[in-house]
């Protein structure tokens, strides 16, 4: 299989160099996975626009989606990055592990979200009707449903980029779950 080096600022387009500079300023570094998007002149900017689009979802809800999808797709990079972000959003280590497993017993609404996300991701876009009903019963609406699916797609893109490039993980490594969910 081809090997992928993490592109440096000097190896990417001028447009991506500007984005690298913004990431350095805002995040403190350019995450290796974001750098991998910069193999393409426009993909990093396009991805960041998708990731930062206006949404009906709260940051904690987006992290639930990111953690569940990354677990289903076995993306260690995204599991690690979103474990760090999950902690920044107030989740405990134990809650993060539970979320990655597809549930959130500590919060009924987030539990319905985690279960829906795991089910639709495992079933490749075809969720079980009772999981959809539970999602709506928990207080989510159709606009939320569309936003959830967009975030799932966003995370699948990153999972696939890392699964193919295997760029080094530059976040503290997330612990593995005792049992794999998918």
N, C-alpha and C. Protein backbone atom coordinates (compact mmCIF):
# COMPACT_ATOMS: atom_id res chain seq x y z
N UNK A 1 0.85 -1.19 0.00
CA UNK A 1 0.00 0.00 0.00
C UNK A 1 0.89 1.24 0.00
N UNK A 2 0.44 2.28 -0.66
CA UNK A 2 1.18 3.54 -0.72
C UNK A 2 1.34 4.10 0.68
N UNK A 3 2.43 4.80 0.90
CA UNK A 3 2.63 5.49 2.18
C UNK A 3 2.37 6.98 1.95
N UNK A 4 1.86 7.62 2.97
CA UNK A 4 1.50 9.03 2.90
C UNK A 4 2.24 9.79 3.99
N UNK A 5 3.09 10.69 3.57
CA UNK A 5 3.76 11.58 4.50
C UNK A 5 2.81 12.74 4.79
N UNK A 6 2.91 13.31 5.96
CA UNK A 6 2.10 14.47 6.30
C UNK A 6 2.69 15.67 5.55
N UNK A 7 1.90 16.30 4.68
CA UNK A 7 2.45 17.44 3.95
C UNK A 7 2.75 18.61 4.89
N UNK A 8 3.84 19.27 4.63
CA UNK A 8 4.22 20.46 5.40
C UNK A 8 3.65 21.69 4.72
N UNK A 9 3.72 22.81 5.41
CA UNK A 9 3.21 24.07 4.86
C UNK A 9 3.84 24.37 3.50
N UNK A 10 5.12 24.13 3.36
CA UNK A 10 5.82 24.44 2.10
C UNK A 10 5.44 23.50 0.96
N UNK A 11 4.78 22.39 1.26
CA UNK A 11 4.42 21.40 0.24
C UNK A 11 2.98 21.53 -0.25
N UNK A 12 2.23 22.49 0.29
CA UNK A 12 0.82 22.62 -0.08
C UNK A 12 0.60 23.92 -0.85
N UNK A 13 -0.57 24.03 -1.46
CA UNK A 13 -0.91 25.21 -2.25
C UNK A 13 -0.92 26.47 -1.39
N UNK A 14 -0.87 27.60 -2.05
CA UNK A 14 -0.91 28.88 -1.33
C UNK A 14 -2.19 29.02 -0.51
N UNK A 15 -3.31 28.58 -1.08
CA UNK A 15 -4.58 28.61 -0.37
C UNK A 15 -4.50 27.77 0.91
N UNK A 16 -3.95 26.57 0.80
CA UNK A 16 -3.82 25.71 1.97
C UNK A 16 -2.80 26.26 2.96
N UNK A 17 -1.78 26.94 2.49
CA UNK A 17 -0.82 27.57 3.40
C UNK A 17 -1.53 28.60 4.29
N UNK A 18 -2.46 29.35 3.71
CA UNK A 18 -3.23 30.32 4.51
C UNK A 18 -4.08 29.61 5.55
N UNK A 19 -4.68 28.49 5.17
CA UNK A 19 -5.49 27.72 6.12
C UNK A 19 -4.59 27.14 7.21
N UNK A 20 -3.42 26.64 6.83
CA UNK A 20 -2.47 26.14 7.83
C UNK A 20 -2.15 27.25 8.83
N UNK A 21 -1.91 28.46 8.34
CA UNK A 21 -1.59 29.60 9.22
C UNK A 21 -2.75 29.89 10.17
N UNK A 22 -3.99 29.84 9.65
CA UNK A 22 -5.17 30.06 10.50
C UNK A 22 -5.30 28.97 11.56
N UNK A 23 -5.04 27.73 11.18
CA UNK A 23 -5.10 26.62 12.15
C UNK A 23 -4.02 26.78 13.21
N UNK A 24 -2.81 27.14 12.81
CA UNK A 24 -1.72 27.39 13.78
C UNK A 24 -2.15 28.44 14.79
N UNK A 25 -2.76 29.51 14.29
CA UNK A 25 -3.18 30.62 15.14
C UNK A 25 -4.33 30.21 16.07
N UNK A 26 -5.31 29.48 15.53
CA UNK A 26 -6.51 29.15 16.30
C UNK A 26 -6.39 27.91 17.17
N UNK A 27 -5.74 26.87 16.64
CA UNK A 27 -5.66 25.58 17.34
C UNK A 27 -4.30 25.37 18.00
N UNK A 28 -3.30 26.06 17.46
CA UNK A 28 -1.94 25.90 18.00
C UNK A 28 -1.08 24.97 17.17
N UNK A 29 -1.71 24.22 16.25
CA UNK A 29 -0.98 23.32 15.36
C UNK A 29 -1.91 22.93 14.22
N UNK A 30 -1.35 22.32 13.19
CA UNK A 30 -2.15 21.79 12.09
C UNK A 30 -2.27 20.29 12.33
N UNK A 31 -3.45 19.82 12.71
CA UNK A 31 -3.61 18.38 12.90
C UNK A 31 -3.22 17.61 11.63
N UNK A 32 -2.54 16.50 11.82
CA UNK A 32 -2.07 15.71 10.68
C UNK A 32 -3.19 15.33 9.71
N UNK A 33 -4.36 15.04 10.23
CA UNK A 33 -5.46 14.67 9.34
C UNK A 33 -5.87 15.85 8.48
N UNK A 34 -5.93 17.04 9.05
CA UNK A 34 -6.23 18.23 8.24
C UNK A 34 -5.14 18.43 7.19
N UNK A 35 -3.90 18.21 7.56
CA UNK A 35 -2.82 18.34 6.59
C UNK A 35 -3.01 17.36 5.43
N UNK A 36 -3.52 16.18 5.72
CA UNK A 36 -3.75 15.19 4.66
C UNK A 36 -4.80 15.69 3.66
N UNK A 37 -5.79 16.43 4.12
CA UNK A 37 -6.76 17.02 3.19
C UNK A 37 -6.05 17.96 2.21
N UNK A 38 -4.94 18.55 2.63
CA UNK A 38 -4.24 19.54 1.82
C UNK A 38 -3.46 18.92 0.66
N UNK A 39 -3.51 17.60 0.51
CA UNK A 39 -2.98 17.00 -0.72
C UNK A 39 -3.74 17.58 -1.92
N UNK A 40 -4.98 17.99 -1.69
CA UNK A 40 -5.83 18.58 -2.71
C UNK A 40 -5.92 20.08 -2.45
N UNK A 41 -5.91 20.89 -3.48
CA UNK A 41 -5.88 22.34 -3.32
C UNK A 41 -7.11 22.92 -2.62
N UNK A 42 -8.27 22.28 -2.77
CA UNK A 42 -9.49 22.86 -2.21
C UNK A 42 -10.15 22.03 -1.11
N UNK A 43 -9.75 20.78 -0.94
CA UNK A 43 -10.46 19.88 -0.02
C UNK A 43 -10.42 20.34 1.43
N UNK A 44 -9.30 20.87 1.89
CA UNK A 44 -9.22 21.30 3.29
C UNK A 44 -10.20 22.44 3.55
N UNK A 45 -10.23 23.43 2.71
CA UNK A 45 -11.17 24.54 2.87
C UNK A 45 -12.60 24.07 2.76
N UNK A 46 -12.87 23.19 1.80
CA UNK A 46 -14.22 22.66 1.65
C UNK A 46 -14.65 21.88 2.89
N UNK A 47 -13.73 21.05 3.41
CA UNK A 47 -14.06 20.24 4.58
C UNK A 47 -14.31 21.13 5.80
N UNK A 48 -13.45 22.13 6.01
CA UNK A 48 -13.63 23.01 7.16
C UNK A 48 -14.94 23.80 7.06
N UNK A 49 -15.32 24.19 5.84
CA UNK A 49 -16.61 24.87 5.66
C UNK A 49 -17.76 23.93 6.03
N UNK A 50 -17.68 22.67 5.62
CA UNK A 50 -18.70 21.69 5.99
C UNK A 50 -18.73 21.50 7.51
N UNK A 51 -17.57 21.31 8.09
CA UNK A 51 -17.49 21.04 9.52
C UNK A 51 -17.98 22.23 10.36
N UNK A 52 -17.78 23.43 9.88
CA UNK A 52 -18.12 24.62 10.66
C UNK A 52 -19.42 25.28 10.21
N UNK A 53 -20.22 24.58 9.41
CA UNK A 53 -21.47 25.16 8.94
C UNK A 53 -22.44 25.37 10.11
N UNK A 54 -23.37 26.30 9.92
CA UNK A 54 -24.39 26.54 10.93
C UNK A 54 -25.21 25.28 11.11
N UNK A 55 -25.53 24.95 12.35
CA UNK A 55 -26.22 23.70 12.65
C UNK A 55 -27.24 23.89 13.77
N UNK A 56 -28.26 23.05 13.77
CA UNK A 56 -29.23 23.04 14.86
C UNK A 56 -28.71 22.27 16.07
N UNK A 57 -27.57 21.62 15.91
CA UNK A 57 -27.03 20.77 16.97
C UNK A 57 -26.06 21.53 17.86
N UNK A 58 -26.05 21.15 19.12
CA UNK A 58 -25.08 21.71 20.07
C UNK A 58 -23.74 20.99 19.90
N UNK A 59 -22.70 21.61 20.41
CA UNK A 59 -21.35 21.04 20.31
C UNK A 59 -21.30 19.64 20.92
N UNK A 60 -21.94 19.43 22.07
CA UNK A 60 -21.94 18.12 22.71
C UNK A 60 -22.61 17.08 21.81
N UNK A 61 -23.68 17.46 21.15
CA UNK A 61 -24.37 16.52 20.26
C UNK A 61 -23.48 16.16 19.07
N UNK A 62 -22.79 17.15 18.53
CA UNK A 62 -21.88 16.85 17.41
C UNK A 62 -20.76 15.91 17.86
N UNK A 63 -20.27 16.09 19.09
CA UNK A 63 -19.22 15.19 19.59
C UNK A 63 -19.75 13.77 19.78
N UNK A 64 -21.00 13.63 20.21
CA UNK A 64 -21.59 12.28 20.31
C UNK A 64 -21.55 11.62 18.93
N UNK A 65 -21.97 12.35 17.92
CA UNK A 65 -21.98 11.80 16.56
C UNK A 65 -20.56 11.43 16.13
N UNK A 66 -19.62 12.34 16.33
CA UNK A 66 -18.23 12.10 15.93
C UNK A 66 -17.65 10.87 16.62
N UNK A 67 -17.92 10.72 17.89
CA UNK A 67 -17.38 9.58 18.65
C UNK A 67 -17.99 8.26 18.20
N UNK A 68 -19.31 8.25 18.01
CA UNK A 68 -19.98 7.01 17.61
C UNK A 68 -19.53 6.58 16.21
N UNK A 69 -19.56 7.50 15.26
CA UNK A 69 -19.19 7.15 13.88
C UNK A 69 -17.74 6.70 13.82
N UNK A 70 -16.87 7.39 14.53
CA UNK A 70 -15.45 7.01 14.52
C UNK A 70 -15.22 5.64 15.13
N UNK A 71 -16.05 5.27 16.11
CA UNK A 71 -15.95 3.93 16.69
C UNK A 71 -16.44 2.88 15.70
N UNK A 72 -17.60 3.13 15.10
CA UNK A 72 -18.15 2.16 14.13
C UNK A 72 -17.15 1.93 13.00
N UNK A 73 -16.51 3.01 12.53
CA UNK A 73 -15.57 2.90 11.42
C UNK A 73 -14.15 2.58 11.87
N UNK A 74 -13.97 2.37 13.17
CA UNK A 74 -12.67 2.00 13.73
C UNK A 74 -11.55 2.97 13.32
N UNK A 75 -11.85 4.26 13.42
CA UNK A 75 -10.85 5.28 13.08
C UNK A 75 -10.17 5.75 14.37
N UNK A 76 -9.00 5.22 14.62
CA UNK A 76 -8.27 5.57 15.86
C UNK A 76 -7.91 7.06 15.90
N UNK A 77 -7.60 7.64 14.76
CA UNK A 77 -7.27 9.07 14.74
C UNK A 77 -8.47 9.88 15.24
N UNK A 78 -9.64 9.65 14.64
CA UNK A 78 -10.82 10.42 15.01
C UNK A 78 -11.33 10.07 16.41
N UNK A 79 -11.18 8.82 16.82
CA UNK A 79 -11.52 8.47 18.21
C UNK A 79 -10.67 9.30 19.16
N UNK A 80 -9.40 9.42 18.85
CA UNK A 80 -8.47 10.15 19.73
C UNK A 80 -8.76 11.65 19.71
N UNK A 81 -8.93 12.22 18.51
CA UNK A 81 -9.21 13.65 18.41
C UNK A 81 -10.51 13.99 19.12
N UNK A 82 -11.54 13.18 18.92
CA UNK A 82 -12.84 13.50 19.50
C UNK A 82 -12.96 13.10 20.97
N UNK A 83 -12.07 12.25 21.44
CA UNK A 83 -12.00 12.05 22.89
C UNK A 83 -11.50 13.34 23.54
N UNK A 84 -10.47 13.94 22.95
CA UNK A 84 -9.96 15.22 23.47
C UNK A 84 -11.04 16.30 23.38
N UNK A 85 -11.72 16.39 22.24
CA UNK A 85 -12.77 17.40 22.08
C UNK A 85 -13.97 17.11 22.99
N UNK A 86 -14.29 15.84 23.17
CA UNK A 86 -15.38 15.48 24.07
C UNK A 86 -15.10 15.94 25.49
N UNK A 87 -13.86 15.78 25.94
CA UNK A 87 -13.48 16.25 27.27
C UNK A 87 -13.60 17.77 27.35
N UNK A 88 -13.19 18.46 26.28
CA UNK A 88 -13.30 19.92 26.25
C UNK A 88 -14.77 20.36 26.30
N UNK A 89 -15.68 19.50 25.86
CA UNK A 89 -17.10 19.80 25.88
C UNK A 89 -17.80 19.27 27.13
N UNK A 90 -17.02 18.78 28.10
CA UNK A 90 -17.58 18.42 29.40
C UNK A 90 -17.88 16.96 29.64
N UNK A 91 -17.58 16.09 28.69
CA UNK A 91 -17.80 14.66 28.92
C UNK A 91 -16.65 14.09 29.75
N UNK A 92 -16.97 13.13 30.62
CA UNK A 92 -15.94 12.43 31.39
C UNK A 92 -15.36 11.30 30.53
N UNK A 93 -14.25 10.73 30.99
CA UNK A 93 -13.66 9.59 30.29
C UNK A 93 -14.66 8.44 30.17
N UNK A 94 -15.38 8.17 31.26
CA UNK A 94 -16.35 7.07 31.27
C UNK A 94 -17.49 7.34 30.30
N UNK A 95 -17.97 8.58 30.26
CA UNK A 95 -19.05 8.93 29.35
C UNK A 95 -18.60 8.79 27.89
N UNK A 96 -17.38 9.20 27.60
CA UNK A 96 -16.85 9.09 26.24
C UNK A 96 -16.81 7.64 25.80
N UNK A 97 -16.34 6.76 26.67
CA UNK A 97 -16.30 5.34 26.32
C UNK A 97 -17.71 4.79 26.09
N UNK A 98 -18.64 5.20 26.92
CA UNK A 98 -20.02 4.74 26.74
C UNK A 98 -20.59 5.25 25.42
N UNK A 99 -20.35 6.51 25.12
CA UNK A 99 -20.82 7.09 23.86
C UNK A 99 -20.24 6.33 22.68
N UNK A 100 -18.95 6.09 22.71
CA UNK A 100 -18.32 5.34 21.62
C UNK A 100 -18.99 3.99 21.42
N UNK A 101 -19.49 3.40 22.50
CA UNK A 101 -20.18 2.12 22.42
C UNK A 101 -21.61 2.23 21.91
N UNK A 102 -22.09 3.46 21.69
CA UNK A 102 -23.41 3.65 21.10
C UNK A 102 -24.54 3.94 22.06
N UNK A 103 -24.21 4.40 23.27
CA UNK A 103 -25.27 4.77 24.21
C UNK A 103 -24.76 5.88 25.12
N UNK A 104 -25.71 6.50 25.84
CA UNK A 104 -25.37 7.57 26.78
C UNK A 104 -26.39 7.54 27.91
N UNK A 105 -26.29 6.54 28.77
CA UNK A 105 -27.28 6.32 29.83
C UNK A 105 -27.41 7.51 30.78
N UNK A 106 -26.43 8.38 30.81
CA UNK A 106 -26.41 9.54 31.70
C UNK A 106 -27.28 10.69 31.17
N UNK A 107 -27.80 10.58 29.93
CA UNK A 107 -28.62 11.65 29.35
C UNK A 107 -29.56 11.02 28.31
N UNK A 108 -30.87 10.97 28.60
CA UNK A 108 -31.81 10.28 27.70
C UNK A 108 -31.80 10.82 26.27
N UNK A 109 -31.69 12.12 26.09
CA UNK A 109 -31.70 12.69 24.73
C UNK A 109 -30.43 12.29 23.97
N UNK A 110 -29.27 12.41 24.63
CA UNK A 110 -28.02 12.01 23.99
C UNK A 110 -27.99 10.50 23.74
N UNK A 111 -28.65 9.74 24.61
CA UNK A 111 -28.73 8.29 24.43
C UNK A 111 -29.49 7.97 23.14
N UNK A 112 -30.62 8.63 22.91
CA UNK A 112 -31.38 8.41 21.68
C UNK A 112 -30.55 8.80 20.46
N UNK A 113 -29.78 9.88 20.59
CA UNK A 113 -28.90 10.32 19.51
C UNK A 113 -27.82 9.29 19.23
N UNK A 114 -27.13 8.84 20.27
CA UNK A 114 -26.05 7.86 20.10
C UNK A 114 -26.58 6.57 19.48
N UNK A 115 -27.72 6.12 19.94
CA UNK A 115 -28.30 4.89 19.40
C UNK A 115 -28.70 5.04 17.93
N UNK A 116 -29.29 6.20 17.59
CA UNK A 116 -29.64 6.46 16.20
C UNK A 116 -28.39 6.47 15.32
N UNK A 117 -27.37 7.21 15.76
CA UNK A 117 -26.15 7.36 14.97
C UNK A 117 -25.48 6.00 14.76
N UNK A 118 -25.38 5.22 15.81
CA UNK A 118 -24.76 3.90 15.66
C UNK A 118 -25.58 3.04 14.69
N UNK A 119 -26.89 3.06 14.85
CA UNK A 119 -27.75 2.21 14.03
C UNK A 119 -27.69 2.60 12.55
N UNK A 120 -27.79 3.87 12.25
CA UNK A 120 -27.78 4.30 10.84
C UNK A 120 -26.40 4.08 10.21
N UNK A 121 -25.34 4.22 11.01
CA UNK A 121 -23.99 4.02 10.47
C UNK A 121 -23.72 2.54 10.23
N UNK A 122 -24.04 1.70 11.19
CA UNK A 122 -23.85 0.25 11.04
C UNK A 122 -24.71 -0.28 9.89
N UNK A 123 -25.92 0.24 9.76
CA UNK A 123 -26.85 -0.24 8.73
C UNK A 123 -26.70 0.49 7.40
N UNK A 124 -25.61 1.20 7.24
CA UNK A 124 -25.27 1.87 5.98
C UNK A 124 -26.41 2.70 5.41
N UNK A 125 -26.89 3.62 6.21
CA UNK A 125 -27.88 4.64 5.83
C UNK A 125 -29.33 4.18 5.96
N UNK A 126 -29.56 3.00 6.46
CA UNK A 126 -30.92 2.48 6.58
C UNK A 126 -31.23 2.15 8.04
N UNK A 127 -31.59 3.18 8.84
CA UNK A 127 -31.83 2.93 10.27
C UNK A 127 -33.11 2.12 10.51
N UNK A 128 -33.11 1.42 11.61
CA UNK A 128 -34.31 0.69 12.02
C UNK A 128 -35.38 1.71 12.42
N UNK A 129 -36.63 1.50 12.01
CA UNK A 129 -37.70 2.47 12.29
C UNK A 129 -37.85 2.82 13.77
N UNK A 130 -37.68 1.84 14.65
CA UNK A 130 -37.87 2.13 16.09
C UNK A 130 -36.78 3.06 16.63
N UNK A 131 -35.60 3.04 16.02
CA UNK A 131 -34.52 3.93 16.45
C UNK A 131 -34.81 5.36 15.98
N UNK A 132 -35.38 5.48 14.79
CA UNK A 132 -35.79 6.80 14.29
C UNK A 132 -36.90 7.35 15.17
N UNK A 133 -37.88 6.51 15.50
CA UNK A 133 -38.98 6.95 16.36
C UNK A 133 -38.47 7.39 17.73
N UNK A 134 -37.52 6.66 18.29
CA UNK A 134 -36.95 7.02 19.60
C UNK A 134 -36.19 8.35 19.50
N UNK A 135 -35.51 8.59 18.39
CA UNK A 135 -34.80 9.85 18.16
C UNK A 135 -35.79 11.02 18.22
N UNK A 136 -36.90 10.89 17.51
CA UNK A 136 -37.91 11.96 17.53
C UNK A 136 -38.59 12.06 18.89
N UNK A 137 -38.87 10.93 19.53
CA UNK A 137 -39.50 10.93 20.85
C UNK A 137 -38.63 11.62 21.90
N UNK A 138 -37.31 11.60 21.68
CA UNK A 138 -36.38 12.24 22.63
C UNK A 138 -36.36 13.77 22.48
N UNK A 139 -37.04 14.27 21.46
CA UNK A 139 -37.13 15.73 21.31
C UNK A 139 -36.44 16.30 20.10
N UNK A 140 -35.87 15.46 19.27
CA UNK A 140 -35.25 15.94 18.04
C UNK A 140 -36.32 16.12 16.97
N UNK A 141 -36.04 17.01 16.01
CA UNK A 141 -36.98 17.23 14.91
C UNK A 141 -36.31 16.91 13.57
N UNK A 142 -37.02 17.16 12.49
CA UNK A 142 -36.52 16.81 11.17
C UNK A 142 -35.29 17.63 10.77
N UNK A 143 -35.26 18.88 11.19
CA UNK A 143 -34.06 19.70 10.91
C UNK A 143 -32.85 19.10 11.63
N UNK A 144 -33.06 18.67 12.87
CA UNK A 144 -31.97 18.00 13.61
C UNK A 144 -31.53 16.74 12.89
N UNK A 145 -32.49 15.98 12.37
CA UNK A 145 -32.17 14.74 11.67
C UNK A 145 -31.24 15.01 10.48
N UNK A 146 -31.57 16.03 9.71
CA UNK A 146 -30.72 16.38 8.56
C UNK A 146 -29.32 16.77 9.05
N UNK A 147 -29.25 17.59 10.10
CA UNK A 147 -27.94 17.98 10.62
C UNK A 147 -27.15 16.79 11.15
N UNK A 148 -27.82 15.86 11.82
CA UNK A 148 -27.14 14.66 12.31
C UNK A 148 -26.53 13.89 11.13
N UNK A 149 -27.29 13.73 10.07
CA UNK A 149 -26.80 12.97 8.91
C UNK A 149 -25.64 13.71 8.24
N UNK A 150 -25.69 15.03 8.20
CA UNK A 150 -24.57 15.80 7.64
C UNK A 150 -23.31 15.59 8.48
N UNK A 151 -23.44 15.61 9.80
CA UNK A 151 -22.27 15.39 10.66
C UNK A 151 -21.76 13.95 10.50
N UNK A 152 -22.66 12.99 10.35
CA UNK A 152 -22.22 11.61 10.09
C UNK A 152 -21.38 11.57 8.81
N UNK A 153 -21.86 12.22 7.76
CA UNK A 153 -21.12 12.26 6.50
C UNK A 153 -19.77 12.93 6.65
N UNK A 154 -19.74 14.03 7.38
CA UNK A 154 -18.49 14.74 7.66
C UNK A 154 -17.50 13.79 8.32
N UNK A 155 -17.96 13.05 9.32
CA UNK A 155 -17.04 12.17 10.04
C UNK A 155 -16.62 10.98 9.21
N UNK A 156 -17.51 10.46 8.40
CA UNK A 156 -17.14 9.35 7.52
C UNK A 156 -16.03 9.79 6.57
N UNK A 157 -16.12 11.01 6.06
CA UNK A 157 -15.05 11.52 5.18
C UNK A 157 -13.71 11.47 5.90
N UNK A 158 -13.66 11.99 7.12
CA UNK A 158 -12.41 11.99 7.88
C UNK A 158 -11.95 10.57 8.20
N UNK A 159 -12.89 9.72 8.58
CA UNK A 159 -12.54 8.32 8.87
C UNK A 159 -11.91 7.67 7.65
N UNK A 160 -12.46 7.92 6.47
CA UNK A 160 -11.94 7.33 5.24
C UNK A 160 -10.58 7.93 4.86
N UNK A 161 -10.43 9.25 5.07
CA UNK A 161 -9.13 9.88 4.76
C UNK A 161 -8.05 9.23 5.65
N UNK A 162 -8.34 9.10 6.94
CA UNK A 162 -7.33 8.50 7.81
C UNK A 162 -7.15 7.02 7.52
N UNK A 163 -8.23 6.30 7.27
CA UNK A 163 -8.12 4.88 6.99
C UNK A 163 -7.26 4.59 5.77
N UNK A 164 -7.22 5.52 4.85
CA UNK A 164 -6.42 5.35 3.63
C UNK A 164 -5.00 5.87 3.81
N UNK A 165 -4.85 7.04 4.45
CA UNK A 165 -3.52 7.65 4.56
C UNK A 165 -2.73 7.16 5.76
N UNK A 166 -3.43 6.79 6.83
CA UNK A 166 -2.78 6.39 8.08
C UNK A 166 -1.74 7.40 8.56
N UNK A 167 -2.06 8.69 8.41
CA UNK A 167 -1.13 9.70 8.94
C UNK A 167 -1.04 9.50 10.45
N UNK A 168 0.11 9.83 11.06
CA UNK A 168 0.27 9.62 12.49
C UNK A 168 -0.78 10.37 13.32
N UNK A 169 -1.20 9.74 14.39
CA UNK A 169 -2.16 10.35 15.31
C UNK A 169 -1.40 11.34 16.19
N UNK A 170 -1.84 12.60 16.17
CA UNK A 170 -1.16 13.65 16.92
C UNK A 170 -2.02 14.19 18.07
N UNK A 171 -2.86 13.33 18.60
CA UNK A 171 -3.65 13.59 19.81
C UNK A 171 -3.34 12.47 20.78
N UNK A 172 -3.59 12.68 22.08
CA UNK A 172 -3.42 11.55 23.01
C UNK A 172 -4.27 10.37 22.55
N UNK A 173 -3.67 9.20 22.49
CA UNK A 173 -4.36 8.03 21.95
C UNK A 173 -5.54 7.64 22.83
N UNK A 174 -6.71 7.53 22.21
CA UNK A 174 -7.93 7.13 22.93
C UNK A 174 -7.80 5.66 23.33
N UNK A 175 -8.31 5.30 24.49
CA UNK A 175 -8.29 3.89 24.87
C UNK A 175 -9.19 3.08 23.95
N UNK A 176 -8.84 1.82 23.78
CA UNK A 176 -9.68 0.95 22.97
C UNK A 176 -10.85 0.48 23.82
N UNK A 177 -11.98 0.24 23.16
CA UNK A 177 -13.13 -0.31 23.87
C UNK A 177 -12.91 -1.80 24.08
N UNK A 178 -13.48 -2.32 25.15
CA UNK A 178 -13.35 -3.74 25.45
C UNK A 178 -13.98 -4.61 24.37
N UNK A 179 -15.13 -4.16 23.85
CA UNK A 179 -15.79 -4.90 22.78
C UNK A 179 -16.04 -3.96 21.63
N UNK A 180 -15.83 -4.44 20.43
CA UNK A 180 -16.03 -3.66 19.22
C UNK A 180 -17.52 -3.61 18.93
N UNK A 181 -18.02 -2.44 18.51
CA UNK A 181 -19.46 -2.27 18.27
C UNK A 181 -19.87 -2.70 16.88
N UNK A 182 -18.96 -2.73 15.95
CA UNK A 182 -19.32 -3.11 14.58
C UNK A 182 -18.16 -3.77 13.89
